[in-house]
Amino acid sequence: MGIKMDEYELLDKVSGPYGITAGKDGALWFTQHKANQIGRITMQGEITEYPIPTQNAEPHGIASGPDGAIWFTEECNKIGRLSIL
C-alpha cells in the first residue's frame, strides 16, 4: 500500500499552524497561533485567512460545534466563535 502526502504553503511564513478541524462547509479550519488568525483550506488546497479582532489572541485549539460554527480558544483568556454563513 502506498502513501501520498501533500503539503500546502501558508501565506504567512511564520503563522504557527496549530489545531485543525472539519467544518460544515466541507473545508478544514485551523488556528494560526503566531499570525493571530484562523485559516480555512478547501480540499483543492485554496487557503483563506481570517484575522482575529483581539490583538495577541494567539489561537490554539479549534473545534466544530453542534451549531455548525467554528469555535476556538484564545491565549488571552477568551473563546472565539466563527459563524459559517
N, C-alpha and C. Protein backbone atom coordinates (compact mmCIF):
# COMPACT_ATOMS: atom_id res chain seq x y z
N MET A 1 0.85 -1.18 0.00
CA MET A 1 0.00 0.00 0.00
C MET A 1 0.89 1.24 0.00
N GLY A 2 0.64 2.16 -0.91
CA GLY A 2 1.41 3.39 -0.99
C GLY A 2 0.75 4.54 -0.25
N ILE A 3 1.51 5.55 -0.01
CA ILE A 3 1.01 6.75 0.68
C ILE A 3 1.41 7.97 -0.15
N LYS A 4 0.46 8.88 -0.31
CA LYS A 4 0.76 10.15 -0.99
C LYS A 4 0.55 11.26 0.03
N MET A 5 1.53 12.14 0.16
CA MET A 5 1.43 13.24 1.11
C MET A 5 1.55 14.55 0.36
N ASP A 6 0.58 15.44 0.60
CA ASP A 6 0.62 16.78 0.03
C ASP A 6 0.84 17.78 1.16
N GLU A 7 1.55 18.86 0.86
CA GLU A 7 1.75 19.94 1.81
C GLU A 7 1.33 21.24 1.14
N TYR A 8 0.78 22.15 1.94
CA TYR A 8 0.28 23.41 1.42
C TYR A 8 0.95 24.56 2.15
N GLU A 9 1.57 25.44 1.38
CA GLU A 9 2.28 26.59 1.93
C GLU A 9 1.28 27.65 2.40
N LEU A 10 1.45 28.15 3.62
CA LEU A 10 0.60 29.22 4.13
C LEU A 10 1.15 30.57 3.70
N LEU A 11 0.27 31.55 3.60
CA LEU A 11 0.68 32.88 3.14
C LEU A 11 1.68 33.52 4.09
N ASP A 12 1.42 33.44 5.39
CA ASP A 12 2.31 33.99 6.41
C ASP A 12 3.30 32.88 6.79
N LYS A 13 4.56 33.07 6.46
CA LYS A 13 5.57 32.03 6.64
C LYS A 13 5.85 31.65 8.09
N VAL A 14 5.46 32.51 9.04
CA VAL A 14 5.69 32.21 10.46
C VAL A 14 4.36 32.17 11.22
N SER A 15 3.30 31.68 10.58
CA SER A 15 1.97 31.73 11.17
C SER A 15 1.77 30.76 12.34
N GLY A 16 2.55 29.72 12.41
CA GLY A 16 2.43 28.77 13.51
C GLY A 16 1.12 28.02 13.54
N PRO A 17 0.78 27.25 12.47
CA PRO A 17 -0.46 26.49 12.49
C PRO A 17 -0.47 25.52 13.66
N TYR A 18 -1.64 25.35 14.27
CA TYR A 18 -1.71 24.53 15.49
C TYR A 18 -2.81 23.48 15.38
N GLY A 19 -4.06 23.85 15.70
CA GLY A 19 -5.15 22.88 15.65
C GLY A 19 -5.84 22.89 14.31
N ILE A 20 -6.59 21.80 14.01
CA ILE A 20 -7.34 21.71 12.75
C ILE A 20 -8.62 20.95 13.00
N THR A 21 -9.69 21.35 12.27
CA THR A 21 -10.99 20.68 12.41
C THR A 21 -11.75 20.78 11.09
N ALA A 22 -12.66 19.85 10.86
CA ALA A 22 -13.51 19.89 9.67
C ALA A 22 -14.71 20.79 9.94
N GLY A 23 -15.06 21.63 8.97
CA GLY A 23 -16.22 22.50 9.09
C GLY A 23 -17.41 21.95 8.33
N LYS A 24 -18.59 22.47 8.62
CA LYS A 24 -19.81 22.01 7.94
C LYS A 24 -19.80 22.36 6.45
N ASP A 25 -18.90 23.25 6.05
CA ASP A 25 -18.79 23.67 4.66
C ASP A 25 -17.90 22.74 3.83
N GLY A 26 -17.39 21.67 4.44
CA GLY A 26 -16.55 20.71 3.73
C GLY A 26 -15.07 21.08 3.69
N ALA A 27 -14.72 22.22 4.26
CA ALA A 27 -13.32 22.65 4.32
C ALA A 27 -12.73 22.31 5.69
N LEU A 28 -11.43 22.44 5.80
CA LEU A 28 -10.75 22.29 7.08
C LEU A 28 -10.39 23.68 7.59
N TRP A 29 -10.55 23.87 8.89
CA TRP A 29 -10.28 25.15 9.55
C TRP A 29 -9.15 24.92 10.54
N PHE A 30 -8.25 25.89 10.66
CA PHE A 30 -7.09 25.72 11.54
C PHE A 30 -6.71 27.04 12.19
N THR A 31 -6.07 26.93 13.34
CA THR A 31 -5.58 28.13 14.02
C THR A 31 -4.19 28.47 13.51
N GLN A 32 -3.89 29.76 13.52
CA GLN A 32 -2.55 30.25 13.17
C GLN A 32 -2.09 31.07 14.37
N HIS A 33 -1.48 30.36 15.29
CA HIS A 33 -1.10 30.88 16.60
C HIS A 33 -0.30 32.19 16.51
N LYS A 34 0.74 32.21 15.74
CA LYS A 34 1.62 33.39 15.69
C LYS A 34 1.09 34.50 14.79
N ALA A 35 0.21 34.17 13.83
CA ALA A 35 -0.34 35.18 12.91
C ALA A 35 -1.64 35.78 13.43
N ASN A 36 -2.14 35.26 14.55
CA ASN A 36 -3.36 35.78 15.18
C ASN A 36 -4.57 35.71 14.23
N GLN A 37 -4.71 34.55 13.60
CA GLN A 37 -5.83 34.39 12.69
C GLN A 37 -6.27 32.93 12.59
N ILE A 38 -7.44 32.76 11.96
CA ILE A 38 -7.99 31.43 11.69
C ILE A 38 -7.88 31.22 10.19
N GLY A 39 -7.43 30.04 9.79
CA GLY A 39 -7.29 29.72 8.38
C GLY A 39 -8.32 28.70 7.95
N ARG A 40 -8.61 28.70 6.66
CA ARG A 40 -9.54 27.75 6.05
C ARG A 40 -8.87 27.21 4.79
N ILE A 41 -8.89 25.89 4.62
CA ILE A 41 -8.33 25.28 3.42
C ILE A 41 -9.36 24.33 2.82
N THR A 42 -9.58 24.47 1.51
CA THR A 42 -10.51 23.58 0.82
C THR A 42 -9.80 22.29 0.45
N MET A 43 -10.54 21.31 0.00
CA MET A 43 -9.95 20.05 -0.43
C MET A 43 -9.09 20.23 -1.69
N GLN A 44 -9.26 21.37 -2.37
CA GLN A 44 -8.43 21.68 -3.54
C GLN A 44 -7.18 22.47 -3.16
N GLY A 45 -7.02 22.79 -1.86
CA GLY A 45 -5.83 23.50 -1.39
C GLY A 45 -5.94 25.01 -1.40
N GLU A 46 -7.13 25.56 -1.64
CA GLU A 46 -7.31 27.01 -1.60
C GLU A 46 -7.38 27.48 -0.15
N ILE A 47 -6.54 28.45 0.20
CA ILE A 47 -6.44 28.92 1.59
C ILE A 47 -6.98 30.34 1.71
N THR A 48 -7.80 30.53 2.76
CA THR A 48 -8.31 31.85 3.12
C THR A 48 -7.98 32.07 4.59
N GLU A 49 -7.62 33.29 4.95
CA GLU A 49 -7.25 33.59 6.34
C GLU A 49 -8.15 34.68 6.90
N TYR A 50 -8.55 34.51 8.17
CA TYR A 50 -9.45 35.43 8.85
C TYR A 50 -8.78 35.97 10.11
N PRO A 51 -8.38 37.24 10.13
CA PRO A 51 -7.74 37.82 11.31
C PRO A 51 -8.70 37.85 12.50
N ILE A 52 -8.18 37.58 13.67
CA ILE A 52 -8.96 37.67 14.91
C ILE A 52 -8.92 39.11 15.37
N PRO A 53 -10.07 39.70 15.74
CA PRO A 53 -10.09 41.12 16.10
C PRO A 53 -9.31 41.46 17.38
N THR A 54 -9.17 40.51 18.29
CA THR A 54 -8.43 40.75 19.53
C THR A 54 -6.94 40.65 19.27
N GLN A 55 -6.20 41.71 19.58
CA GLN A 55 -4.74 41.68 19.43
C GLN A 55 -4.14 40.62 20.33
N ASN A 56 -3.13 39.93 19.82
CA ASN A 56 -2.40 38.91 20.59
C ASN A 56 -3.32 37.83 21.16
N ALA A 57 -4.34 37.44 20.42
CA ALA A 57 -5.25 36.38 20.87
C ALA A 57 -4.54 35.03 20.93
N GLU A 58 -3.58 34.80 20.05
CA GLU A 58 -2.81 33.57 19.98
C GLU A 58 -3.72 32.33 20.02
N PRO A 59 -4.54 32.11 18.99
CA PRO A 59 -5.46 30.97 18.99
C PRO A 59 -4.72 29.63 19.01
N HIS A 60 -5.31 28.68 19.71
CA HIS A 60 -4.73 27.34 19.80
C HIS A 60 -5.72 26.28 19.35
N GLY A 61 -6.53 25.80 20.29
CA GLY A 61 -7.48 24.73 20.00
C GLY A 61 -8.62 25.21 19.11
N ILE A 62 -9.18 24.30 18.32
CA ILE A 62 -10.28 24.63 17.41
C ILE A 62 -11.18 23.41 17.26
N ALA A 63 -12.49 23.65 17.14
CA ALA A 63 -13.44 22.56 17.00
C ALA A 63 -14.69 23.04 16.27
N SER A 64 -15.34 22.11 15.60
CA SER A 64 -16.65 22.39 15.00
C SER A 64 -17.70 22.16 16.07
N GLY A 65 -18.58 23.13 16.25
CA GLY A 65 -19.63 22.99 17.25
C GLY A 65 -20.90 22.38 16.68
N PRO A 66 -21.80 21.93 17.55
CA PRO A 66 -23.07 21.36 17.10
C PRO A 66 -23.95 22.39 16.40
N ASP A 67 -23.62 23.66 16.55
CA ASP A 67 -24.36 24.74 15.88
C ASP A 67 -23.82 25.02 14.48
N GLY A 68 -22.79 24.29 14.04
CA GLY A 68 -22.20 24.47 12.73
C GLY A 68 -21.12 25.53 12.69
N ALA A 69 -20.91 26.23 13.79
CA ALA A 69 -19.88 27.27 13.86
C ALA A 69 -18.52 26.64 14.18
N ILE A 70 -17.47 27.41 13.97
CA ILE A 70 -16.11 27.02 14.34
C ILE A 70 -15.78 27.73 15.65
N TRP A 71 -15.41 26.97 16.65
CA TRP A 71 -15.07 27.50 17.98
C TRP A 71 -13.58 27.34 18.19
N PHE A 72 -12.95 28.34 18.84
CA PHE A 72 -11.52 28.26 19.08
C PHE A 72 -11.16 28.93 20.40
N THR A 73 -10.05 28.49 20.97
CA THR A 73 -9.57 29.08 22.22
C THR A 73 -8.51 30.13 21.90
N GLU A 74 -8.50 31.16 22.75
CA GLU A 74 -7.51 32.23 22.62
C GLU A 74 -6.67 32.27 23.89
N GLU A 75 -5.38 32.45 23.71
CA GLU A 75 -4.44 32.52 24.83
C GLU A 75 -4.77 33.66 25.79
N CYS A 76 -5.49 34.68 25.30
CA CYS A 76 -5.81 35.86 26.11
C CYS A 76 -7.07 35.64 26.96
N ASN A 77 -7.37 34.39 27.28
CA ASN A 77 -8.47 34.03 28.18
C ASN A 77 -9.84 34.28 27.56
N LYS A 78 -9.98 33.97 26.27
CA LYS A 78 -11.27 34.10 25.56
C LYS A 78 -11.53 32.84 24.74
N ILE A 79 -12.82 32.66 24.43
CA ILE A 79 -13.25 31.63 23.49
C ILE A 79 -13.83 32.38 22.30
N GLY A 80 -13.45 32.02 21.09
CA GLY A 80 -13.95 32.67 19.89
C GLY A 80 -14.91 31.78 19.12
N ARG A 81 -15.82 32.38 18.39
CA ARG A 81 -16.79 31.65 17.57
C ARG A 81 -16.81 32.29 16.19
N LEU A 82 -16.63 31.48 15.15
CA LEU A 82 -16.65 31.95 13.78
C LEU A 82 -17.85 31.28 13.09
N SER A 83 -18.83 32.07 12.70
CA SER A 83 -20.03 31.53 12.06
C SER A 83 -19.77 31.30 10.58
N ILE A 84 -20.17 30.15 10.08
CA ILE A 84 -20.07 29.84 8.65
C ILE A 84 -21.44 30.16 8.05
N LEU A 85 -21.49 31.16 7.20
CA LEU A 85 -22.76 31.59 6.60
C LEU A 85 -23.00 30.96 5.26
